[in-house]
């Protein structure tokens, strides 16, 4: 039985003058990811998949580098679409995320992708990856908490809801069976804050 692990990236360095897609991991975020790279569950991972945002790619390379694996980039699992110049304060981001989950058929803010559309995109992307899987090794997917939550809700047959959102500050993981798509466990903190 091959397992797919979905890992939410850890803390980022917020740079208001830089496009959100180009933000980097913070030093603490990098240190948290490094603390996980020798975990026993990683020994069966044969593929590392990441969304195309820089902080996620950085995280994926931390894991893939330890196993000498390539990082495969999949834009289908990118974070929910938003204007690249749309920098939000913590309070405004919180309101936007709340609206994203509360009204999944609507855009939570002008130019932002609705949760239901983002869910369709990520589910289609993951199905394509899993349907094409030819080995029995495990899969590590690195992405964003919102997108991982949408995937979890779909796999578990749950409505889109913030109730199923990952714990804050990233470093959390969901696991599911690659063949049956059965959820093996919901969000667990695997890279706790320092």
C-alpha atoms as a PDB file:
ATOM      1  CA  UNK A   1       0.000   0.000   0.000  1.00  0.00           C
ATOM      2  CA  UNK A   2       1.518   3.304  -1.100  1.00  0.00           C
ATOM      3  CA  UNK A   3       0.780   6.390   0.963  1.00  0.00           C
ATOM      4  CA  UNK A   4       0.563  10.009  -0.128  1.00  0.00           C
ATOM      5  CA  UNK A   5       1.621  12.590   2.461  1.00  0.00           C
ATOM      6  CA  UNK A   6       0.550  16.204   2.037  1.00  0.00           C
ATOM      7  CA  UNK A   7       2.830  18.560   4.013  1.00  0.00           C
ATOM      8  CA  UNK A   8       1.986  22.240   4.525  1.00  0.00           C
ATOM      9  CA  UNK A   9       5.002  24.530   4.220  1.00  0.00           C
ATOM     10  CA  UNK A  10       6.316  26.182   7.370  1.00  0.00           C
ATOM     11  CA  UNK A  11       6.774  29.892   8.193  1.00  0.00           C
ATOM     12  CA  UNK A  12       7.637  32.376   5.517  1.00  0.00           C
ATOM     13  CA  UNK A  13       9.500  35.653   5.386  1.00  0.00           C
ATOM     14  CA  UNK A  14       6.804  38.209   4.587  1.00  0.00           C
ATOM     15  CA  UNK A  15       8.056  40.716   2.024  1.00  0.00           C
ATOM     16  CA  UNK A  16       5.323  43.263   1.165  1.00  0.00           C
ATOM     17  CA  UNK A  17       7.227  44.613  -1.857  1.00  0.00           C
ATOM     18  CA  UNK A  18       7.699  41.131  -3.382  1.00  0.00           C
ATOM     19  CA  UNK A  19       5.081  39.036  -5.192  1.00  0.00           C
ATOM     20  CA  UNK A  20       3.508  36.505  -2.818  1.00  0.00           C
ATOM     21  CA  UNK A  21       4.599  33.648  -5.092  1.00  0.00           C
ATOM     22  CA  UNK A  22       8.247  34.655  -4.581  1.00  0.00           C
ATOM     23  CA  UNK A  23       8.269  34.749  -0.779  1.00  0.00           C
ATOM     24  CA  UNK A  24      10.930  32.608   0.929  1.00  0.00           C
ATOM     25  CA  UNK A  25      10.876  30.404   3.995  1.00  0.00           C
ATOM     26  CA  UNK A  26      11.945  32.187   7.139  1.00  0.00           C
ATOM     27  CA  UNK A  27      14.931  30.864   9.092  1.00  0.00           C
ATOM     28  CA  UNK A  28      12.555  29.277  11.592  1.00  0.00           C
ATOM     29  CA  UNK A  29      10.492  27.764   8.780  1.00  0.00           C
ATOM     30  CA  UNK A  30      13.614  26.245   7.236  1.00  0.00           C
ATOM     31  CA  UNK A  31      14.802  24.921  10.622  1.00  0.00           C
ATOM     32  CA  UNK A  32      11.419  23.326  11.282  1.00  0.00           C
ATOM     33  CA  UNK A  33      11.444  21.512   7.938  1.00  0.00           C
ATOM     34  CA  UNK A  34      15.011  20.308   8.525  1.00  0.00           C
ATOM     35  CA  UNK A  35      13.928  18.739  11.817  1.00  0.00           C
ATOM     36  CA  UNK A  36      11.615  16.375   9.909  1.00  0.00           C
ATOM     37  CA  UNK A  37      13.884  15.123   7.098  1.00  0.00           C
ATOM     38  CA  UNK A  38      15.042  12.038   9.001  1.00  0.00           C
ATOM     39  CA  UNK A  39      11.573  10.926  10.086  1.00  0.00           C
ATOM     40  CA  UNK A  40      11.016   7.173   9.507  1.00  0.00           C
ATOM     41  CA  UNK A  41       7.961   7.701   7.296  1.00  0.00           C
ATOM     42  CA  UNK A  42      10.159   9.431   4.699  1.00  0.00           C
ATOM     43  CA  UNK A  43      12.190   6.280   4.033  1.00  0.00           C
ATOM     44  CA  UNK A  44       9.555   4.959   1.586  1.00  0.00           C
ATOM     45  CA  UNK A  45       9.069   8.229  -0.318  1.00  0.00           C
ATOM     46  CA  UNK A  46      10.100   7.863  -3.967  1.00  0.00           C
ATOM     47  CA  UNK A  47       8.586  11.063  -5.386  1.00  0.00           C
ATOM     48  CA  UNK A  48       8.422  14.637  -4.140  1.00  0.00           C
ATOM     49  CA  UNK A  49       5.805  16.915  -5.690  1.00  0.00           C
ATOM     50  CA  UNK A  50       5.448  20.642  -5.034  1.00  0.00           C
ATOM     51  CA  UNK A  51       3.396  23.601  -6.092  1.00  0.00           C
ATOM     52  CA  UNK A  52       5.246  26.302  -8.021  1.00  0.00           C
ATOM     53  CA  UNK A  53       5.552  28.998  -5.337  1.00  0.00           C
ATOM     54  CA  UNK A  54       9.110  29.610  -4.176  1.00  0.00           C
ATOM     55  CA  UNK A  55       8.587  28.850  -0.455  1.00  0.00           C
ATOM     56  CA  UNK A  56       7.039  25.497  -1.346  1.00  0.00           C
ATOM     57  CA  UNK A  57       9.842  24.670  -3.777  1.00  0.00           C
ATOM     58  CA  UNK A  58      12.376  25.505  -1.035  1.00  0.00           C
ATOM     59  CA  UNK A  59      10.577  23.156   1.355  1.00  0.00           C
ATOM     60  CA  UNK A  60      10.406  20.393  -1.250  1.00  0.00           C
ATOM     61  CA  UNK A  61      14.151  20.649  -1.927  1.00  0.00           C
ATOM     62  CA  UNK A  62      14.880  20.263   1.793  1.00  0.00           C
ATOM     63  CA  UNK A  63      13.066  16.903   1.772  1.00  0.00           C
ATOM     64  CA  UNK A  64      14.107  15.745  -1.710  1.00  0.00           C
ATOM     65  CA  UNK A  65      17.762  16.640  -1.136  1.00  0.00           C
ATOM     66  CA  UNK A  66      18.009  14.256   1.792  1.00  0.00           C
ATOM     67  CA  UNK A  67      16.789  11.386  -0.393  1.00  0.00           C
ATOM     68  CA  UNK A  68      18.528  12.528  -3.606  1.00  0.00           C
ATOM     69  CA  UNK A  69      15.177  12.804  -5.381  1.00  0.00           C
ATOM     70  CA  UNK A  70      14.086  15.354  -7.977  1.00  0.00           C
ATOM     71  CA  UNK A  71      11.327  17.842  -7.189  1.00  0.00           C
ATOM     72  CA  UNK A  72       8.379  17.692  -9.581  1.00  0.00           C
ATOM     73  CA  UNK A  73       6.439  20.952  -9.924  1.00  0.00           C
ATOM     74  CA  UNK A  74       2.677  20.894 -10.409  1.00  0.00           C
ATOM     75  CA  UNK A  75       0.884  24.240 -10.837  1.00  0.00           C
ATOM     76  CA  UNK A  76      -2.434  22.405 -10.347  1.00  0.00           C
ATOM     77  CA  UNK A  77      -1.693  22.313  -6.604  1.00  0.00           C
ATOM     78  CA  UNK A  78      -0.685  25.982  -6.322  1.00  0.00           C
ATOM     79  CA  UNK A  79      -2.217  28.103  -3.595  1.00  0.00           C
ATOM     80  CA  UNK A  80      -5.638  29.613  -4.236  1.00  0.00           C
ATOM     81  CA  UNK A  81      -5.382  32.139  -7.046  1.00  0.00           C
ATOM     82  CA  UNK A  82      -5.093  35.791  -6.080  1.00  0.00           C
ATOM     83  CA  UNK A  83      -3.693  38.992  -7.560  1.00  0.00           C
ATOM     84  CA  UNK A  84       0.084  38.784  -7.177  1.00  0.00           C
ATOM     85  CA  UNK A  85       0.257  42.331  -5.852  1.00  0.00           C
ATOM     86  CA  UNK A  86      -2.530  41.784  -3.290  1.00  0.00           C
ATOM     87  CA  UNK A  87      -0.559  42.089  -0.036  1.00  0.00           C
ATOM     88  CA  UNK A  88      -2.880  41.828   2.963  1.00  0.00           C
ATOM     89  CA  UNK A  89      -2.380  42.702   6.600  1.00  0.00           C
ATOM     90  CA  UNK A  90      -2.705  39.806   9.035  1.00  0.00           C
ATOM     91  CA  UNK A  91      -6.204  40.959   9.987  1.00  0.00           C
ATOM     92  CA  UNK A  92      -7.348  41.320   6.372  1.00  0.00           C
ATOM     93  CA  UNK A  93      -5.856  37.958   5.426  1.00  0.00           C
ATOM     94  CA  UNK A  94      -7.694  36.373   8.345  1.00  0.00           C
ATOM     95  CA  UNK A  95     -11.005  37.863   7.138  1.00  0.00           C
ATOM     96  CA  UNK A  96     -10.304  36.695   3.582  1.00  0.00           C
ATOM     97  CA  UNK A  97      -9.482  33.139   4.647  1.00  0.00           C
ATOM     98  CA  UNK A  98     -12.643  33.046   6.780  1.00  0.00           C
ATOM     99  CA  UNK A  99     -14.713  34.131   3.766  1.00  0.00           C
ATOM    100  CA  UNK A 100     -12.876  31.647   1.506  1.00  0.00           C
ATOM    101  CA  UNK A 101     -14.098  28.734   3.628  1.00  0.00           C
ATOM    102  CA  UNK A 102     -17.473  30.172   4.669  1.00  0.00           C
ATOM    103  CA  UNK A 103     -18.669  30.885   1.108  1.00  0.00           C
ATOM    104  CA  UNK A 104     -16.799  28.389  -1.090  1.00  0.00           C
ATOM    105  CA  UNK A 105     -18.747  29.189  -4.260  1.00  0.00           C
ATOM    106  CA  UNK A 106     -17.836  32.894  -4.108  1.00  0.00           C
ATOM    107  CA  UNK A 107     -14.596  34.758  -4.496  1.00  0.00           C
ATOM    108  CA  UNK A 108     -13.597  35.896  -0.997  1.00  0.00           C
ATOM    109  CA  UNK A 109     -12.088  39.089  -2.409  1.00  0.00           C
ATOM    110  CA  UNK A 110     -11.870  40.677  -5.872  1.00  0.00           C
ATOM    111  CA  UNK A 111      -9.579  38.620  -8.059  1.00  0.00           C
ATOM    112  CA  UNK A 112      -9.321  35.682  -5.652  1.00  0.00           C
ATOM    113  CA  UNK A 113     -10.203  32.144  -6.696  1.00  0.00           C
ATOM    114  CA  UNK A 114     -13.271  30.653  -4.999  1.00  0.00           C
ATOM    115  CA  UNK A 115     -12.607  27.666  -2.734  1.00  0.00           C
ATOM    116  CA  UNK A 116     -14.829  25.335  -4.782  1.00  0.00           C
ATOM    117  CA  UNK A 117     -12.886  26.144  -7.965  1.00  0.00           C
ATOM    118  CA  UNK A 118      -9.545  25.712  -6.198  1.00  0.00           C
ATOM    119  CA  UNK A 119     -10.746  22.362  -4.874  1.00  0.00           C
ATOM    120  CA  UNK A 120     -11.733  21.154  -8.355  1.00  0.00           C
ATOM    121  CA  UNK A 121      -8.297  22.167  -9.654  1.00  0.00           C
ATOM    122  CA  UNK A 122      -6.280  20.440  -6.930  1.00  0.00           C
ATOM    123  CA  UNK A 123      -8.391  17.282  -6.976  1.00  0.00           C
ATOM    124  CA  UNK A 124      -7.998  16.988 -10.760  1.00  0.00           C
ATOM    125  CA  UNK A 125      -4.240  17.533 -10.413  1.00  0.00           C
ATOM    126  CA  UNK A 126      -3.867  14.951  -7.665  1.00  0.00           C
ATOM    127  CA  UNK A 127      -5.978  12.411  -9.521  1.00  0.00           C
ATOM    128  CA  UNK A 128      -3.760  12.816 -12.589  1.00  0.00           C
ATOM    129  CA  UNK A 129      -0.636  12.273 -10.472  1.00  0.00           C
ATOM    130  CA  UNK A 130      -2.048   9.253  -8.662  1.00  0.00           C
ATOM    131  CA  UNK A 131      -3.583   7.655 -11.764  1.00  0.00           C
ATOM    132  CA  UNK A 132      -0.187   7.805 -13.495  1.00  0.00           C
ATOM    133  CA  UNK A 133       1.697   6.346 -10.500  1.00  0.00           C
ATOM    134  CA  UNK A 134       3.632   3.219 -11.518  1.00  0.00           C
ATOM    135  CA  UNK A 135       5.738   2.313  -8.471  1.00  0.00           C
ATOM    136  CA  UNK A 136       4.786   1.220  -4.953  1.00  0.00           C
ATOM    137  CA  UNK A 137       6.755   3.952  -3.179  1.00  0.00           C
ATOM    138  CA  UNK A 138       5.183   6.676  -1.104  1.00  0.00           C
ATOM    139  CA  UNK A 139       4.511  10.169  -2.393  1.00  0.00           C
ATOM    140  CA  UNK A 140       5.320  13.445  -0.614  1.00  0.00           C
ATOM    141  CA  UNK A 141       3.310  16.461  -1.712  1.00  0.00           C
ATOM    142  CA  UNK A 142       4.402  19.879  -0.461  1.00  0.00           C
ATOM    143  CA  UNK A 143       1.882  22.686  -0.610  1.00  0.00           C
ATOM    144  CA  UNK A 144      -0.292  25.125   1.248  1.00  0.00           C
ATOM    145  CA  UNK A 145      -2.612  24.645   4.188  1.00  0.00           C
ATOM    146  CA  UNK A 146      -5.688  26.002   2.390  1.00  0.00           C
ATOM    147  CA  UNK A 147      -5.148  23.742  -0.614  1.00  0.00           C
ATOM    148  CA  UNK A 148      -4.385  20.723   1.574  1.00  0.00           C
ATOM    149  CA  UNK A 149      -7.593  21.379   3.482  1.00  0.00           C
ATOM    150  CA  UNK A 150      -9.609  21.471   0.255  1.00  0.00           C
ATOM    151  CA  UNK A 151      -8.036  18.165  -0.790  1.00  0.00           C
ATOM    152  CA  UNK A 152      -8.728  16.643   2.632  1.00  0.00           C
ATOM    153  CA  UNK A 153     -12.378  17.753   2.525  1.00  0.00           C
ATOM    154  CA  UNK A 154     -12.818  16.130  -0.881  1.00  0.00           C
ATOM    155  CA  UNK A 155     -11.112  12.860   0.067  1.00  0.00           C
ATOM    156  CA  UNK A 156     -12.988  12.570   3.360  1.00  0.00           C
ATOM    157  CA  UNK A 157     -16.353  13.498   1.833  1.00  0.00           C
ATOM    158  CA  UNK A 158     -16.586  16.602   3.995  1.00  0.00           C
ATOM    159  CA  UNK A 159     -18.052  19.967   3.044  1.00  0.00           C
ATOM    160  CA  UNK A 160     -15.538  22.750   2.519  1.00  0.00           C
ATOM    161  CA  UNK A 161     -15.187  24.281   5.956  1.00  0.00           C
ATOM    162  CA  UNK A 162     -12.577  26.043   8.018  1.00  0.00           C
ATOM    163  CA  UNK A 163     -13.360  23.477  10.705  1.00  0.00           C
ATOM    164  CA  UNK A 164     -11.040  21.128   8.791  1.00  0.00           C
ATOM    165  CA  UNK A 165      -8.278  23.725   8.269  1.00  0.00           C
ATOM    166  CA  UNK A 166      -4.732  22.826   9.232  1.00  0.00           C
ATOM    167  CA  UNK A 167      -3.250  24.070  12.513  1.00  0.00           C
ATOM    168  CA  UNK A 168      -1.597  27.443  12.104  1.00  0.00           C
ATOM    169  CA  UNK A 169       2.046  28.080  11.179  1.00  0.00           C
ATOM    170  CA  UNK A 170       2.366  25.146   8.782  1.00  0.00           C
ATOM    171  CA  UNK A 171       4.447  22.031   9.285  1.00  0.00           C
ATOM    172  CA  UNK A 172       1.316  19.881   9.336  1.00  0.00           C
ATOM    173  CA  UNK A 173       0.521  16.751   7.403  1.00  0.00           C
ATOM    174  CA  UNK A 174      -2.414  14.749   6.037  1.00  0.00           C
ATOM    175  CA  UNK A 175      -1.996  11.192   4.703  1.00  0.00           C
ATOM    176  CA  UNK A 176      -4.109   9.136   2.339  1.00  0.00           C
ATOM    177  CA  UNK A 177      -3.870   5.840   0.482  1.00  0.00           C
ATOM    178  CA  UNK A 178      -2.659   6.373  -3.098  1.00  0.00           C
ATOM    179  CA  UNK A 179      -4.901   3.679  -4.597  1.00  0.00           C
ATOM    180  CA  UNK A 180      -8.164   3.998  -2.676  1.00  0.00           C
ATOM    181  CA  UNK A 181      -7.762   7.725  -1.782  1.00  0.00           C
ATOM    182  CA  UNK A 182      -8.909   6.805   1.733  1.00  0.00           C
ATOM    183  CA  UNK A 183      -7.754   9.334   4.332  1.00  0.00           C
ATOM    184  CA  UNK A 184      -5.341   7.645   6.747  1.00  0.00           C
ATOM    185  CA  UNK A 185      -5.093  10.605   9.095  1.00  0.00           C
ATOM    186  CA  UNK A 186      -6.163  14.226   9.128  1.00  0.00           C
ATOM    187  CA  UNK A 187      -3.902  17.179   9.930  1.00  0.00           C
ATOM    188  CA  UNK A 188      -1.090  16.323  12.338  1.00  0.00           C
ATOM    189  CA  UNK A 189       1.661  18.661  13.456  1.00  0.00           C
ATOM    190  CA  UNK A 190       4.896  16.984  12.334  1.00  0.00           C
ATOM    191  CA  UNK A 191       7.208  20.012  12.405  1.00  0.00           C
ATOM    192  CA  UNK A 192       6.265  21.850  15.610  1.00  0.00           C
ATOM    193  CA  UNK A 193       7.278  25.482  16.132  1.00  0.00           C
ATOM    194  CA  UNK A 194      10.733  25.931  17.644  1.00  0.00           C
END
